[in-house]
Amino acid sequence: MPVVIARVHPEPGRLQEVLDVYAEAVPLVHQEPGCELFALHTDQTSIFVVERWTTDEDLAVHSAGPTFARTRAKVAGLLSAPADVWVLDALPFGDPLKGIIQ
């Protein structure tokens, strides 16, 4: 089950515009096959996207899909830097309900 953590870097003063783009995309991503989690968080400067996919193939289909492409195109001029993206494997130590992103 791949987990993706991405940090998106809006230009100063453009955070809400980038959030608005994601607000349109999130319901569509939630309907994609294999999407178990697609959640946004912010520290009021950056946007953090936390994703979990059933399989690597599901993640690959999402990454090559139209919603992802449309979102990238819409935020292209609103970002100060490319997103930092990590694709991670869980290390389920301790309580299985608390030791991984559910």
N, C-alpha and C. Protein backbone atom coordinates (compact mmCIF):
# COMPACT_ATOMS: atom_id res chain seq x y z
N MET A 1 0.83 -1.17 0.00
CA MET A 1 0.00 0.00 0.00
C MET A 1 0.88 1.25 0.00
N PRO A 2 1.10 1.88 -1.12
CA PRO A 2 1.95 3.07 -1.14
C PRO A 2 1.26 4.27 -0.46
N VAL A 3 2.07 5.00 0.28
CA VAL A 3 1.65 6.25 0.89
C VAL A 3 2.47 7.35 0.24
N VAL A 4 1.80 8.43 -0.12
CA VAL A 4 2.46 9.57 -0.74
C VAL A 4 2.30 10.77 0.18
N ILE A 5 3.41 11.45 0.42
CA ILE A 5 3.39 12.72 1.12
C ILE A 5 3.98 13.74 0.15
N ALA A 6 3.24 14.80 -0.12
CA ALA A 6 3.73 15.83 -1.03
C ALA A 6 3.59 17.19 -0.36
N ARG A 7 4.61 18.01 -0.53
CA ARG A 7 4.55 19.39 -0.05
C ARG A 7 4.50 20.29 -1.26
N VAL A 8 3.42 21.06 -1.35
CA VAL A 8 3.19 21.98 -2.47
C VAL A 8 3.54 23.39 -1.99
N HIS A 9 4.28 24.13 -2.81
CA HIS A 9 4.81 25.44 -2.42
C HIS A 9 4.12 26.57 -3.19
N PRO A 10 2.98 27.08 -2.69
CA PRO A 10 2.36 28.23 -3.37
C PRO A 10 3.23 29.48 -3.29
N GLU A 11 3.15 30.31 -4.30
CA GLU A 11 3.78 31.63 -4.24
C GLU A 11 3.19 32.37 -3.05
N PRO A 12 3.96 33.26 -2.43
CA PRO A 12 3.40 34.06 -1.34
C PRO A 12 2.11 34.76 -1.78
N GLY A 13 1.09 34.66 -0.96
CA GLY A 13 -0.19 35.28 -1.27
C GLY A 13 -1.08 34.48 -2.19
N ARG A 14 -0.66 33.31 -2.63
CA ARG A 14 -1.44 32.51 -3.59
C ARG A 14 -1.98 31.21 -2.97
N LEU A 15 -1.81 31.04 -1.66
CA LEU A 15 -2.23 29.80 -0.99
C LEU A 15 -3.69 29.48 -1.29
N GLN A 16 -4.58 30.44 -1.12
CA GLN A 16 -6.01 30.16 -1.31
C GLN A 16 -6.31 29.77 -2.75
N GLU A 17 -5.65 30.38 -3.70
CA GLU A 17 -5.87 30.02 -5.10
C GLU A 17 -5.49 28.56 -5.36
N VAL A 18 -4.37 28.13 -4.78
CA VAL A 18 -3.94 26.74 -4.96
C VAL A 18 -4.92 25.81 -4.23
N LEU A 19 -5.34 26.19 -3.04
CA LEU A 19 -6.33 25.38 -2.32
C LEU A 19 -7.63 25.25 -3.12
N ASP A 20 -8.03 26.32 -3.79
CA ASP A 20 -9.26 26.27 -4.59
C ASP A 20 -9.13 25.26 -5.73
N VAL A 21 -7.95 25.20 -6.34
CA VAL A 21 -7.72 24.21 -7.40
C VAL A 21 -7.85 22.80 -6.83
N TYR A 22 -7.21 22.57 -5.70
CA TYR A 22 -7.29 21.25 -5.07
C TYR A 22 -8.70 20.92 -4.62
N ALA A 23 -9.44 21.91 -4.16
CA ALA A 23 -10.82 21.66 -3.72
C ALA A 23 -11.67 21.09 -4.85
N GLU A 24 -11.40 21.51 -6.07
CA GLU A 24 -12.11 20.97 -7.24
C GLU A 24 -11.66 19.53 -7.53
N ALA A 25 -10.39 19.25 -7.31
CA ALA A 25 -9.82 17.96 -7.69
C ALA A 25 -10.10 16.86 -6.68
N VAL A 26 -10.13 17.19 -5.39
CA VAL A 26 -10.22 16.17 -4.35
C VAL A 26 -11.41 15.23 -4.53
N PRO A 27 -12.63 15.72 -4.76
CA PRO A 27 -13.75 14.78 -4.93
C PRO A 27 -13.55 13.82 -6.10
N LEU A 28 -12.89 14.28 -7.15
CA LEU A 28 -12.63 13.41 -8.30
C LEU A 28 -11.59 12.36 -7.96
N VAL A 29 -10.54 12.75 -7.24
CA VAL A 29 -9.52 11.80 -6.84
C VAL A 29 -10.12 10.75 -5.91
N HIS A 30 -10.99 11.18 -5.02
CA HIS A 30 -11.62 10.22 -4.09
C HIS A 30 -12.39 9.13 -4.82
N GLN A 31 -12.83 9.39 -6.04
CA GLN A 31 -13.58 8.40 -6.82
C GLN A 31 -12.67 7.48 -7.64
N GLU A 32 -11.39 7.78 -7.70
CA GLU A 32 -10.48 6.98 -8.51
C GLU A 32 -10.27 5.60 -7.88
N PRO A 33 -10.16 4.57 -8.72
CA PRO A 33 -9.90 3.23 -8.19
C PRO A 33 -8.63 3.18 -7.35
N GLY A 34 -8.74 2.57 -6.19
CA GLY A 34 -7.59 2.40 -5.32
C GLY A 34 -7.29 3.55 -4.39
N CYS A 35 -8.01 4.66 -4.51
CA CYS A 35 -7.78 5.79 -3.61
C CYS A 35 -8.38 5.45 -2.24
N GLU A 36 -7.51 5.29 -1.26
CA GLU A 36 -7.97 5.02 0.10
C GLU A 36 -7.90 6.26 0.97
N LEU A 37 -7.05 7.20 0.59
CA LEU A 37 -6.91 8.45 1.34
C LEU A 37 -6.31 9.49 0.41
N PHE A 38 -6.89 10.65 0.41
CA PHE A 38 -6.33 11.81 -0.29
C PHE A 38 -6.76 13.01 0.52
N ALA A 39 -5.85 13.51 1.36
CA ALA A 39 -6.20 14.54 2.33
C ALA A 39 -5.22 15.70 2.23
N LEU A 40 -5.74 16.91 2.42
CA LEU A 40 -4.91 18.11 2.37
C LEU A 40 -4.76 18.70 3.77
N HIS A 41 -3.58 19.23 4.03
CA HIS A 41 -3.29 19.92 5.28
C HIS A 41 -2.45 21.14 4.93
N THR A 42 -2.47 22.16 5.79
CA THR A 42 -1.66 23.35 5.53
C THR A 42 -1.08 23.89 6.82
N ASP A 43 0.06 24.53 6.68
CA ASP A 43 0.65 25.30 7.77
C ASP A 43 0.50 26.79 7.48
N GLN A 44 -0.38 27.13 6.57
CA GLN A 44 -0.68 28.48 6.10
C GLN A 44 0.40 29.05 5.18
N THR A 45 1.38 28.23 4.84
CA THR A 45 2.41 28.61 3.86
C THR A 45 2.47 27.57 2.74
N SER A 46 2.50 26.31 3.13
CA SER A 46 2.56 25.19 2.19
C SER A 46 1.30 24.36 2.32
N ILE A 47 1.09 23.52 1.31
CA ILE A 47 0.00 22.54 1.34
C ILE A 47 0.65 21.17 1.37
N PHE A 48 0.18 20.33 2.27
CA PHE A 48 0.69 18.98 2.39
C PHE A 48 -0.42 18.02 1.94
N VAL A 49 -0.10 17.18 0.99
CA VAL A 49 -1.05 16.20 0.47
C VAL A 49 -0.61 14.84 1.01
N VAL A 50 -1.55 14.14 1.66
CA VAL A 50 -1.29 12.82 2.20
C VAL A 50 -2.20 11.86 1.44
N GLU A 51 -1.59 10.87 0.80
CA GLU A 51 -2.35 9.93 -0.03
C GLU A 51 -2.02 8.50 0.39
N ARG A 52 -3.00 7.62 0.22
CA ARG A 52 -2.74 6.18 0.35
C ARG A 52 -3.50 5.49 -0.77
N TRP A 53 -2.81 4.61 -1.47
CA TRP A 53 -3.37 3.88 -2.61
C TRP A 53 -3.30 2.40 -2.34
N THR A 54 -4.26 1.65 -2.85
CA THR A 54 -4.30 0.21 -2.62
C THR A 54 -3.08 -0.49 -3.21
N THR A 55 -2.69 -0.08 -4.42
CA THR A 55 -1.54 -0.72 -5.08
C THR A 55 -0.68 0.35 -5.76
N ASP A 56 0.54 -0.05 -6.08
CA ASP A 56 1.42 0.83 -6.86
C ASP A 56 0.80 1.15 -8.21
N GLU A 57 0.10 0.18 -8.78
CA GLU A 57 -0.55 0.40 -10.09
C GLU A 57 -1.64 1.47 -9.97
N ASP A 58 -2.43 1.44 -8.89
CA ASP A 58 -3.45 2.47 -8.69
C ASP A 58 -2.82 3.86 -8.63
N LEU A 59 -1.71 3.96 -7.92
CA LEU A 59 -1.00 5.24 -7.83
C LEU A 59 -0.48 5.66 -9.20
N ALA A 60 0.05 4.72 -9.97
CA ALA A 60 0.56 5.04 -11.30
C ALA A 60 -0.56 5.53 -12.22
N VAL A 61 -1.72 4.88 -12.14
CA VAL A 61 -2.87 5.30 -12.97
C VAL A 61 -3.30 6.71 -12.57
N HIS A 62 -3.36 6.97 -11.27
CA HIS A 62 -3.71 8.31 -10.79
C HIS A 62 -2.71 9.34 -11.32
N SER A 63 -1.44 9.03 -11.19
CA SER A 63 -0.39 9.98 -11.58
C SER A 63 -0.38 10.27 -13.07
N ALA A 64 -0.88 9.34 -13.87
CA ALA A 64 -0.94 9.53 -15.32
C ALA A 64 -2.33 9.98 -15.79
N GLY A 65 -3.24 10.16 -14.84
CA GLY A 65 -4.63 10.42 -15.18
C GLY A 65 -4.97 11.89 -15.43
N PRO A 66 -6.17 12.12 -15.92
CA PRO A 66 -6.58 13.47 -16.30
C PRO A 66 -6.75 14.43 -15.12
N THR A 67 -7.20 13.95 -13.98
CA THR A 67 -7.38 14.85 -12.84
C THR A 67 -6.03 15.38 -12.36
N PHE A 68 -5.05 14.49 -12.26
CA PHE A 68 -3.70 14.89 -11.86
C PHE A 68 -3.13 15.89 -12.86
N ALA A 69 -3.27 15.61 -14.14
CA ALA A 69 -2.73 16.50 -15.19
C ALA A 69 -3.41 17.87 -15.15
N ARG A 70 -4.71 17.88 -14.99
CA ARG A 70 -5.46 19.13 -14.95
C ARG A 70 -5.06 19.96 -13.72
N THR A 71 -4.90 19.30 -12.58
CA THR A 71 -4.51 19.99 -11.36
C THR A 71 -3.12 20.60 -11.51
N ARG A 72 -2.18 19.82 -12.03
CA ARG A 72 -0.82 20.34 -12.24
C ARG A 72 -0.83 21.55 -13.18
N ALA A 73 -1.61 21.48 -14.23
CA ALA A 73 -1.66 22.59 -15.18
C ALA A 73 -2.25 23.85 -14.53
N LYS A 74 -3.29 23.68 -13.72
CA LYS A 74 -3.94 24.84 -13.10
C LYS A 74 -3.07 25.52 -12.04
N VAL A 75 -2.22 24.76 -11.35
CA VAL A 75 -1.39 25.37 -10.30
C VAL A 75 -0.01 25.79 -10.81
N ALA A 76 0.30 25.47 -12.05
CA ALA A 76 1.66 25.70 -12.57
C ALA A 76 2.14 27.13 -12.35
N GLY A 77 1.36 28.12 -12.59
CA GLY A 77 1.79 29.51 -12.43
C GLY A 77 1.60 30.06 -11.03
N LEU A 78 1.13 29.22 -10.13
CA LEU A 78 0.84 29.66 -8.76
C LEU A 78 1.86 29.17 -7.75
N LEU A 79 2.87 28.42 -8.21
CA LEU A 79 3.82 27.79 -7.29
C LEU A 79 5.18 28.47 -7.35
N SER A 80 5.86 28.50 -6.21
CA SER A 80 7.19 29.09 -6.14
C SER A 80 8.30 28.07 -6.42
N ALA A 81 7.94 26.78 -6.35
CA ALA A 81 8.91 25.71 -6.58
C ALA A 81 8.14 24.43 -6.88
N PRO A 82 8.78 23.46 -7.51
CA PRO A 82 8.13 22.17 -7.71
C PRO A 82 7.79 21.52 -6.36
N ALA A 83 6.77 20.71 -6.37
CA ALA A 83 6.38 20.00 -5.14
C ALA A 83 7.47 19.03 -4.74
N ASP A 84 7.64 18.88 -3.44
CA ASP A 84 8.47 17.81 -2.89
C ASP A 84 7.56 16.61 -2.71
N VAL A 85 7.94 15.46 -3.25
CA VAL A 85 7.06 14.29 -3.20
C VAL A 85 7.86 13.09 -2.70
N TRP A 86 7.27 12.39 -1.74
CA TRP A 86 7.85 11.17 -1.22
C TRP A 86 6.83 10.06 -1.36
N VAL A 87 7.22 8.93 -1.95
CA VAL A 87 6.39 7.74 -2.02
C VAL A 87 7.00 6.76 -1.03
N LEU A 88 6.20 6.37 -0.05
CA LEU A 88 6.72 5.65 1.11
C LEU A 88 6.04 4.32 1.32
N ASP A 89 6.75 3.41 1.95
CA ASP A 89 6.19 2.15 2.41
C ASP A 89 6.05 2.25 3.92
N ALA A 90 4.92 1.80 4.45
CA ALA A 90 4.66 1.86 5.89
C ALA A 90 5.55 0.88 6.64
N LEU A 91 5.92 1.27 7.83
CA LEU A 91 6.63 0.40 8.76
C LEU A 91 5.71 0.23 9.97
N PRO A 92 4.91 -0.83 9.97
CA PRO A 92 3.84 -0.97 10.97
C PRO A 92 4.34 -1.43 12.34
N PHE A 93 5.05 -0.56 13.04
CA PHE A 93 5.51 -0.88 14.38
C PHE A 93 4.43 -0.52 15.39
N GLY A 94 4.40 -1.24 16.49
CA GLY A 94 3.46 -0.92 17.56
C GLY A 94 2.04 -1.29 17.21
N ASP A 95 1.12 -0.53 17.73
CA ASP A 95 -0.31 -0.74 17.53
C ASP A 95 -0.63 -0.61 16.04
N PRO A 96 -1.20 -1.65 15.42
CA PRO A 96 -1.45 -1.58 13.97
C PRO A 96 -2.44 -0.47 13.57
N LEU A 97 -3.25 -0.01 14.49
CA LEU A 97 -4.18 1.09 14.17
C LEU A 97 -3.54 2.46 14.34
N LYS A 98 -2.43 2.52 15.06
CA LYS A 98 -1.78 3.80 15.31
C LYS A 98 -0.42 3.90 14.64
N GLY A 99 0.10 2.79 14.14
CA GLY A 99 1.43 2.77 13.60
C GLY A 99 1.55 3.04 12.11
N ILE A 100 0.41 3.18 11.42
CA ILE A 100 0.44 3.50 9.99
C ILE A 100 -0.68 4.48 9.67
N ILE A 101 -0.55 5.16 8.55
CA ILE A 101 -1.60 6.06 8.09
C ILE A 101 -2.75 5.19 7.61
N GLN A 102 -3.87 5.32 8.23
CA GLN A 102 -5.04 4.50 7.94
C GLN A 102 -5.84 5.09 6.79
